[in-house]
Amino acid sequence: EFQFLRCQQCQAEAKCPKLLPCLHTLCSGCLEASGMQCPICQAPWPLGADTPALDNVFFESLQRRLSVYRQIVDAQAVCTRCKESADFWCFECEQLLCAKCFEAHQWFLKHEARPLAELRNQSVREFLDGTRKTNNIFCSNPNHRTPTLTSIYCRGCSKPLCCSCALLDSSHSELKCDISAEIQQRQEELDAMTQALQEQDSAFGAVHAQMHAAVGQLGRARAETEELIRERVRQVVAHVRAQERELLEAVDARYQRDYEEMASRLGRLDAVLQRIRTGSALVQRMKCYASDQEVLDMHGFLRQALCRLRQEEPQSLQAAVRTDGFDEFKVRLQDLSSCITQGKDAAVSKKASPEAASTPRDPIDVDLVRWV
């Protein structure tokens, strides 16, 4: 379930994971080697962005908490302090404690600590939910000697404030709000954007399917035309053996040209769909596992990235798909066949491509002008 924590490029455990504007997450090594675009979807960094990536504090925190869970369920877990067999886990200090160290720890600190036997009976989901530290947010003022818990948020400076800082600085007076309400509002905004992205996913998915169908239709038209060309050429092989090869090459050139154009558009659709689904999955996972602080830290970056995704329009990527471009080859082939069966000694131009303009070299070629 937590394979998404790996680097999406090298699939190794992401060290210092970075969230890109396209919502893919890379380890620091892959990010350094990526240049100026995402190595997964090839999305370039947005123009004017101060930094190409954001520290993915959500992934870092979840990795750390999963590491703690592995330590707890390990039958050989030892006390962080004295290295004896551990019996308790302190949620505040995030330390394993033996029974003796636990007594001293609780005497002085009285932190929340639970027996390892109880925690080992929990699933990983239950453990992670218990370690989210909801509302455990501190004042952002660096001048405090000790971190101060707070429930106040200033929308002007986008920082949490303790009561003292909020009261002493009058600039926050009209902009203060309850931090729980602010977090709830931001989560709801991300949820609403995710719902809109799901609708966009359907639109892009429909266009994606149409483009796939068009590619198949183009291939079938190519195959049918090639078979018709071969059938006619076998009837007049003495005169048109060279033309068979040139016609097939011309059909293939037309196919390759149209295919490359649609493949490019299809690639663009794939990239946007991937970003939409990655963004939706990221928001859902943050909703399940991210702490309030992580939502605050990452909201602005996520909102900008999701807004850019909302601006994508699948209609602009739709191309009018035409598979009747081979009809011209059929018409020219029919004219050639008619000339041959009527006993005309026709000379065929060396250029069968519809883009090439041909001029008959002899009056006897007049009957084949339409074909060449």
Protein backbone atom coordinates (compact mmCIF):
# COMPACT_ATOMS: atom_id res chain seq x y z
CA GLU A 1 0.00 0.00 0.00
CA PHE A 2 2.86 2.40 0.71
CA GLN A 3 4.85 1.78 -2.46
CA PHE A 4 3.83 5.31 -3.49
CA LEU A 5 6.48 6.57 -1.06
CA ARG A 6 9.21 5.37 -3.42
CA CYS A 7 10.81 7.69 -5.96
CA GLN A 8 8.57 7.57 -9.03
CA GLN A 9 11.62 7.60 -11.32
CA CYS A 10 14.14 5.12 -9.86
CA GLN A 11 11.63 3.28 -7.57
CA ALA A 12 14.16 3.39 -4.70
CA GLU A 13 13.25 4.63 -1.24
CA ALA A 14 12.97 8.38 -1.72
CA LYS A 15 15.60 10.23 0.29
CA CYS A 16 14.62 13.88 0.79
CA PRO A 17 11.54 13.44 -1.46
CA LYS A 18 10.69 16.43 -3.64
CA LEU A 19 7.23 17.23 -4.99
CA LEU A 20 7.37 18.67 -8.53
CA PRO A 21 4.88 21.16 -10.01
CA CYS A 22 3.47 18.28 -12.11
CA LEU A 23 2.77 16.44 -8.78
CA HIS A 24 5.28 13.64 -9.30
CA THR A 25 7.64 12.89 -6.40
CA LEU A 26 11.35 12.28 -6.96
CA CYS A 27 14.29 11.57 -4.70
CA SER A 28 16.94 14.29 -4.55
CA GLY A 29 19.27 12.32 -6.85
CA CYS A 30 16.73 11.96 -9.66
CA LEU A 31 15.72 15.60 -9.25
CA GLU A 32 19.31 16.78 -9.76
CA ALA A 33 19.57 14.71 -12.93
CA SER A 34 16.20 15.78 -14.34
CA GLY A 35 17.27 19.12 -15.83
CA MET A 36 14.41 21.54 -16.40
CA GLN A 37 11.56 19.03 -16.84
CA CYS A 38 9.98 16.06 -15.12
CA PRO A 39 11.64 12.80 -16.26
CA ILE A 40 8.33 10.96 -15.92
CA CYS A 41 5.82 13.11 -17.85
CA GLN A 42 8.30 15.60 -19.42
CA ALA A 43 6.36 18.55 -18.00
CA PRO A 44 8.64 21.62 -17.87
CA TRP A 45 8.97 23.72 -14.73
CA PRO A 46 6.38 26.55 -14.75
CA LEU A 47 7.81 29.86 -15.88
CA GLY A 48 8.46 32.23 -12.99
CA ALA A 49 8.48 29.49 -10.33
CA ASP A 50 10.83 30.38 -7.48
CA THR A 51 11.80 26.76 -6.90
CA PRO A 52 11.23 23.76 -9.18
CA ALA A 53 10.20 21.48 -6.31
CA LEU A 54 8.78 21.43 -2.78
CA ASP A 55 10.04 19.37 0.14
CA ASN A 56 7.40 16.63 0.39
CA VAL A 57 6.98 16.84 4.14
CA PHE A 58 3.99 14.49 3.92
CA PHE A 59 6.11 11.68 2.42
CA GLU A 60 9.00 12.37 4.82
CA SER A 61 6.71 12.21 7.84
CA LEU A 62 4.97 9.06 6.63
CA GLN A 63 8.31 7.35 5.96
CA ARG A 64 9.49 8.22 9.46
CA ARG A 65 6.27 6.97 11.07
CA LEU A 66 6.40 3.71 9.12
CA SER A 67 10.00 3.27 10.28
CA VAL A 68 8.81 3.71 13.86
CA TYR A 69 6.08 1.12 13.32
CA ARG A 70 8.67 -1.38 12.03
CA GLN A 71 10.77 -0.79 15.15
CA ILE A 72 7.76 -1.35 17.40
CA VAL A 73 6.68 -4.64 15.80
CA ASP A 74 10.27 -5.92 15.84
CA ALA A 75 10.50 -8.52 18.59
CA GLN A 76 14.11 -7.40 19.22
CA ALA A 77 13.20 -3.73 19.85
CA VAL A 78 15.57 -2.15 22.39
CA CYS A 79 15.32 0.90 24.64
CA THR A 80 16.61 4.08 22.97
CA ARG A 81 18.37 5.12 26.19
CA CYS A 82 19.85 2.02 27.83
CA LYS A 83 19.61 -0.54 25.00
CA GLU A 84 17.66 -3.00 27.16
CA SER A 85 14.59 -4.75 25.80
CA ALA A 86 11.93 -2.10 25.11
CA ASP A 87 8.43 -2.25 26.62
CA PHE A 88 6.94 1.19 25.88
CA TRP A 89 6.79 3.81 23.13
CA CYS A 90 6.58 7.55 23.90
CA PHE A 91 4.52 9.42 21.30
CA GLU A 92 5.94 12.81 22.30
CA CYS A 93 9.64 11.91 22.38
CA GLU A 94 9.24 9.19 19.72
CA GLN A 95 11.48 6.88 21.72
CA LEU A 96 11.42 3.23 22.74
CA LEU A 97 11.68 2.79 26.53
CA CYS A 98 12.29 -0.14 28.83
CA ALA A 99 10.21 -0.42 32.03
CA LYS A 100 12.84 1.30 34.20
CA CYS A 101 13.44 4.20 31.82
CA PHE A 102 9.69 4.52 31.36
CA GLU A 103 9.17 5.11 35.10
CA ALA A 104 11.83 7.87 35.15
CA HIS A 105 10.49 9.34 31.94
CA GLN A 106 6.93 9.55 33.25
CA TRP A 107 8.05 10.94 36.59
CA PHE A 108 9.62 13.98 34.96
CA LEU A 109 7.73 14.43 31.67
CA LYS A 110 4.37 12.65 31.97
CA HIS A 111 4.19 12.19 28.19
CA GLU A 112 1.72 9.92 26.41
CA ALA A 113 3.34 6.48 26.26
CA ARG A 114 1.82 3.10 25.49
CA PRO A 115 2.95 -0.51 25.93
CA LEU A 116 4.51 -2.11 22.87
CA ALA A 117 2.32 -5.19 23.34
CA GLU A 118 -0.75 -2.99 22.82
CA LEU A 119 0.71 -1.21 19.79
CA ARG A 120 1.76 -4.50 18.18
CA ASN A 121 -1.88 -5.55 18.11
CA GLN A 122 -2.70 -2.52 15.96
CA SER A 123 -2.66 -2.50 12.19
CA VAL A 124 -0.32 -0.11 10.43
CA ARG A 125 -3.32 2.08 9.54
CA GLU A 126 -4.38 2.32 13.17
CA PHE A 127 -0.85 3.20 14.24
CA LEU A 128 -0.47 5.89 11.59
CA ASP A 129 -3.83 7.38 12.47
CA GLY A 130 -2.77 7.56 16.12
CA THR A 131 0.47 9.35 15.26
CA ARG A 132 -0.96 12.11 13.05
CA LYS A 133 -0.73 14.57 15.98
CA THR A 134 -3.85 16.47 14.98
CA ASN A 135 -3.75 20.13 16.07
CA ASN A 136 -0.21 19.72 17.43
CA ILE A 137 0.92 23.00 15.79
CA PHE A 138 3.38 25.48 17.26
CA CYS A 139 3.73 29.25 16.98
CA SER A 140 5.94 30.28 14.05
CA ASN A 141 7.74 33.02 16.03
CA PRO A 142 11.44 31.97 16.14
CA ASN A 143 12.09 34.14 19.23
CA HIS A 144 10.27 31.78 21.59
CA ARG A 145 12.66 29.94 23.86
CA THR A 146 10.46 26.85 23.82
CA PRO A 147 7.90 25.87 21.17
CA THR A 148 4.45 27.17 22.03
CA LEU A 149 1.31 25.29 21.01
CA THR A 150 -1.35 27.40 19.36
CA SER A 151 -4.82 27.28 17.78
CA ILE A 152 -4.60 30.70 16.07
CA TYR A 153 -3.75 31.28 12.41
CA CYS A 154 -3.03 34.56 10.60
CA ARG A 155 -4.26 34.55 7.02
CA GLY A 156 -2.24 37.65 6.23
CA CYS A 157 1.21 36.20 6.90
CA SER A 158 0.06 32.56 6.48
CA LYS A 159 1.55 31.46 9.79
CA PRO A 160 0.32 29.99 13.08
CA LEU A 161 0.56 32.35 16.08
CA CYS A 162 0.35 31.93 19.81
CA CYS A 163 -1.97 34.17 21.86
CA SER A 164 0.83 36.52 22.87
CA CYS A 165 2.07 37.11 19.34
CA ALA A 166 -1.46 37.55 18.03
CA LEU A 167 -2.31 40.14 20.70
CA LEU A 168 0.96 42.10 20.67
CA ASP A 169 1.12 42.55 16.90
CA SER A 170 -1.88 44.62 15.80
CA SER A 171 -1.29 43.79 12.14
CA HIS A 172 -2.86 40.38 12.77
CA SER A 173 -6.05 41.72 14.38
CA GLU A 174 -8.32 41.51 11.34
CA LEU A 175 -6.74 38.42 9.87
CA LYS A 176 -6.76 35.98 12.78
CA CYS A 177 -8.87 32.83 12.64
CA ASP A 178 -9.13 29.47 14.32
CA ILE A 179 -6.44 27.21 12.90
CA SER A 180 -8.77 24.21 12.85
CA ALA A 181 -11.24 26.15 10.73
CA GLU A 182 -8.45 27.22 8.39
CA ILE A 183 -7.21 23.64 8.00
CA GLN A 184 -10.76 22.41 7.43
CA GLN A 185 -11.31 25.08 4.78
CA ARG A 186 -8.09 24.16 2.99
CA GLN A 187 -8.89 20.46 3.07
CA GLU A 188 -12.36 21.15 1.68
CA GLU A 189 -10.86 23.28 -1.06
CA LEU A 190 -8.47 20.47 -2.03
CA ASP A 191 -11.36 17.97 -1.92
CA ALA A 192 -13.44 20.19 -4.21
CA MET A 193 -10.55 20.54 -6.63
CA THR A 194 -10.07 16.76 -6.58
CA GLN A 195 -13.74 16.23 -7.46
CA ALA A 196 -13.35 18.66 -10.35
CA LEU A 197 -10.23 16.77 -11.44
CA GLN A 198 -12.21 13.53 -11.46
CA GLU A 199 -14.65 15.10 -13.91
CA GLN A 200 -11.69 16.31 -15.95
CA ASP A 201 -10.25 12.80 -15.79
CA SER A 202 -13.44 11.52 -17.45
CA ALA A 203 -13.19 14.12 -20.21
CA PHE A 204 -9.55 13.38 -20.90
CA GLY A 205 -10.22 9.65 -20.69
CA ALA A 206 -12.92 9.91 -23.36
CA VAL A 207 -10.62 11.83 -25.69
CA HIS A 208 -7.82 9.38 -24.92
CA ALA A 209 -10.06 6.45 -25.93
CA GLN A 210 -11.11 8.26 -29.10
CA MET A 211 -7.50 8.83 -30.07
CA HIS A 212 -6.68 5.17 -29.48
CA ALA A 213 -9.64 4.16 -31.63
CA ALA A 214 -8.55 6.60 -34.32
CA VAL A 215 -5.07 5.08 -34.38
CA GLY A 216 -6.61 1.63 -34.81
CA GLN A 217 -8.91 2.93 -37.55
CA LEU A 218 -5.97 4.52 -39.31
CA GLY A 219 -4.08 1.23 -39.16
CA ARG A 220 -7.03 -0.70 -40.57
CA ALA A 221 -7.42 1.81 -43.40
CA ARG A 222 -3.74 1.42 -44.15
CA ALA A 223 -4.02 -2.38 -44.24
CA GLU A 224 -7.10 -2.31 -46.49
CA THR A 225 -5.47 0.09 -48.90
CA GLU A 226 -2.27 -1.95 -49.06
CA GLU A 227 -4.26 -5.11 -49.83
CA LEU A 228 -6.18 -3.36 -52.60
CA ILE A 229 -2.92 -2.05 -54.05
CA ARG A 230 -1.39 -5.53 -54.05
CA GLU A 231 -4.45 -7.07 -55.69
CA ARG A 232 -4.42 -4.55 -58.55
CA VAL A 233 -0.67 -4.68 -58.97
CA ARG A 234 -0.72 -8.46 -59.41
CA GLN A 235 -2.96 -7.95 -62.48
CA VAL A 236 -0.56 -5.57 -64.16
CA VAL A 237 2.75 -6.71 -62.71
CA ALA A 238 4.67 -6.33 -65.97
CA HIS A 239 3.95 -2.58 -66.10
CA VAL A 240 3.62 -1.54 -62.50
CA ARG A 241 6.00 -3.63 -60.39
CA ALA A 242 8.06 -0.55 -59.56
CA GLN A 243 4.87 1.42 -58.86
CA GLU A 244 3.71 -1.17 -56.33
CA ARG A 245 6.72 -0.45 -54.18
CA GLU A 246 6.34 3.32 -54.56
CA LEU A 247 2.63 3.24 -53.76
CA LEU A 248 3.24 1.21 -50.61
CA GLU A 249 5.93 3.62 -49.54
CA ALA A 250 3.61 6.56 -50.18
CA VAL A 251 0.83 4.95 -48.15
CA ASP A 252 3.31 4.22 -45.38
CA ALA A 253 4.57 7.80 -45.47
CA ARG A 254 1.01 9.09 -45.14
CA TYR A 255 0.36 6.68 -42.30
CA GLN A 256 3.58 7.63 -40.51
CA ARG A 257 2.84 11.33 -40.87
CA ASP A 258 -0.71 11.01 -39.51
CA TYR A 259 0.34 8.50 -36.88
CA GLU A 260 3.14 10.71 -35.56
CA GLU A 261 0.77 13.66 -35.29
CA MET A 262 -1.79 11.64 -33.37
CA ALA A 263 0.89 9.93 -31.29
CA SER A 264 2.14 13.35 -30.22
CA ARG A 265 -1.35 14.39 -29.16
CA LEU A 266 -1.89 11.05 -27.48
CA GLY A 267 1.34 11.51 -25.56
CA ARG A 268 0.14 14.90 -24.37
CA LEU A 269 -3.16 13.37 -23.23
CA ASP A 270 -1.26 10.59 -21.44
CA ALA A 271 0.92 13.13 -19.62
CA VAL A 272 -2.03 15.29 -18.48
CA LEU A 273 -4.05 12.23 -17.43
CA GLN A 274 -1.09 10.97 -15.43
CA ARG A 275 -0.74 14.32 -13.68
CA ILE A 276 -4.48 14.45 -12.94
CA ARG A 277 -4.46 10.96 -11.45
CA THR A 278 -1.24 11.58 -9.54
CA GLY A 279 -2.69 14.79 -8.10
CA SER A 280 -5.94 13.10 -7.11
CA ALA A 281 -4.09 10.20 -5.47
CA LEU A 282 -1.77 12.58 -3.61
CA VAL A 283 -4.64 14.62 -2.17
CA GLN A 284 -6.50 11.46 -1.12
CA ARG A 285 -3.38 10.09 0.58
CA MET A 286 -2.78 13.38 2.35
CA LYS A 287 -6.36 13.27 3.53
CA CYS A 288 -5.73 9.80 4.99
CA TYR A 289 -2.23 10.27 6.39
CA ALA A 290 -1.03 13.90 6.39
CA SER A 291 -0.89 15.94 9.57
CA ASP A 292 -2.39 19.41 9.88
CA GLN A 293 1.04 21.00 9.65
CA GLU A 294 1.74 19.12 6.45
CA VAL A 295 -1.57 20.30 4.96
CA LEU A 296 -0.64 23.88 5.84
CA ASP A 297 2.88 23.55 4.43
CA MET A 298 1.87 21.96 1.15
CA HIS A 299 -1.52 23.57 0.46
CA GLY A 300 -0.28 26.58 -1.50
CA PHE A 301 2.00 24.53 -3.72
CA LEU A 302 -0.67 21.88 -4.31
CA ARG A 303 -3.30 24.51 -5.03
CA GLN A 304 -1.15 26.16 -7.70
CA ALA A 305 -0.37 22.81 -9.32
CA LEU A 306 -4.02 21.71 -9.27
CA CYS A 307 -5.15 25.09 -10.66
CA ARG A 308 -2.74 24.65 -13.56
CA LEU A 309 -4.20 21.22 -14.18
CA ARG A 310 -7.74 22.64 -14.14
CA GLN A 311 -6.74 25.00 -16.95
CA GLU A 312 -6.00 22.07 -19.25
CA GLU A 313 -8.73 21.52 -21.83
CA PRO A 314 -9.04 18.17 -23.62
CA GLN A 315 -10.93 19.82 -26.49
CA SER A 316 -7.80 21.73 -27.47
CA LEU A 317 -5.99 18.40 -27.89
CA GLN A 318 -8.62 16.84 -30.12
CA ALA A 319 -7.69 16.55 -33.73
CA ALA A 320 -9.99 15.88 -36.63
CA VAL A 321 -9.04 12.31 -37.49
CA ARG A 322 -9.32 11.50 -41.18
CA THR A 323 -8.79 8.01 -42.48
CA ASP A 324 -10.02 8.69 -46.00
CA GLY A 325 -6.68 10.19 -47.06
CA PHE A 326 -5.89 6.91 -48.83
CA ASP A 327 -8.80 7.33 -51.27
CA GLU A 328 -6.58 9.28 -53.64
CA PHE A 329 -4.29 6.28 -53.96
CA LYS A 330 -7.31 4.07 -54.74
CA VAL A 331 -8.52 6.44 -57.46
CA ARG A 332 -5.10 6.62 -59.08
CA LEU A 333 -4.74 2.86 -58.92
CA GLN A 334 -8.12 2.40 -60.60
CA ASP A 335 -7.12 4.77 -63.40
CA LEU A 336 -3.90 2.85 -63.95
CA SER A 337 -5.76 -0.46 -64.02
CA SER A 338 -8.25 0.94 -66.55
CA CYS A 339 -5.46 2.09 -68.80
CA ILE A 340 -3.79 -1.31 -68.66
CA THR A 341 -6.95 -3.37 -69.29
CA GLN A 342 -7.88 -1.12 -72.22
CA GLY A 343 -4.59 -1.98 -73.89
CA LYS A 344 -3.02 1.44 -73.57
CA ASP A 345 0.77 1.42 -73.44
CA ALA A 346 0.96 3.85 -70.55
CA ALA A 347 4.11 5.15 -68.98
CA VAL A 348 3.81 5.66 -65.22
CA SER A 349 5.45 8.57 -63.43
CA LYS A 350 8.09 7.73 -60.85
CA LYS A 351 6.33 9.83 -58.21
CA ALA A 352 3.20 8.32 -56.68
CA SER A 353 3.11 10.60 -53.65
CA PRO A 354 0.05 12.92 -53.59
CA GLU A 355 2.34 15.77 -52.54
CA ALA A 356 4.42 15.52 -55.74
CA ALA A 357 3.33 17.35 -58.88
CA SER A 358 3.92 15.28 -62.05
CA THR A 359 3.93 16.19 -65.74
CA PRO A 360 3.54 13.55 -68.50
CA ARG A 361 6.66 13.23 -70.61
CA ASP A 362 4.86 11.87 -73.69
CA PRO A 363 1.40 12.34 -75.25
CA ILE A 364 0.72 8.68 -74.54
CA ASP A 365 0.73 9.48 -70.79
CA VAL A 366 -2.38 11.67 -71.01
CA ASP A 367 -4.67 8.87 -69.85
CA LEU A 368 -2.63 8.48 -66.65
CA VAL A 369 -2.39 12.12 -65.60
CA ARG A 370 -5.09 11.71 -62.97
CA TRP A 371 -3.35 8.65 -61.51
CA VAL A 372 0.11 10.17 -61.27
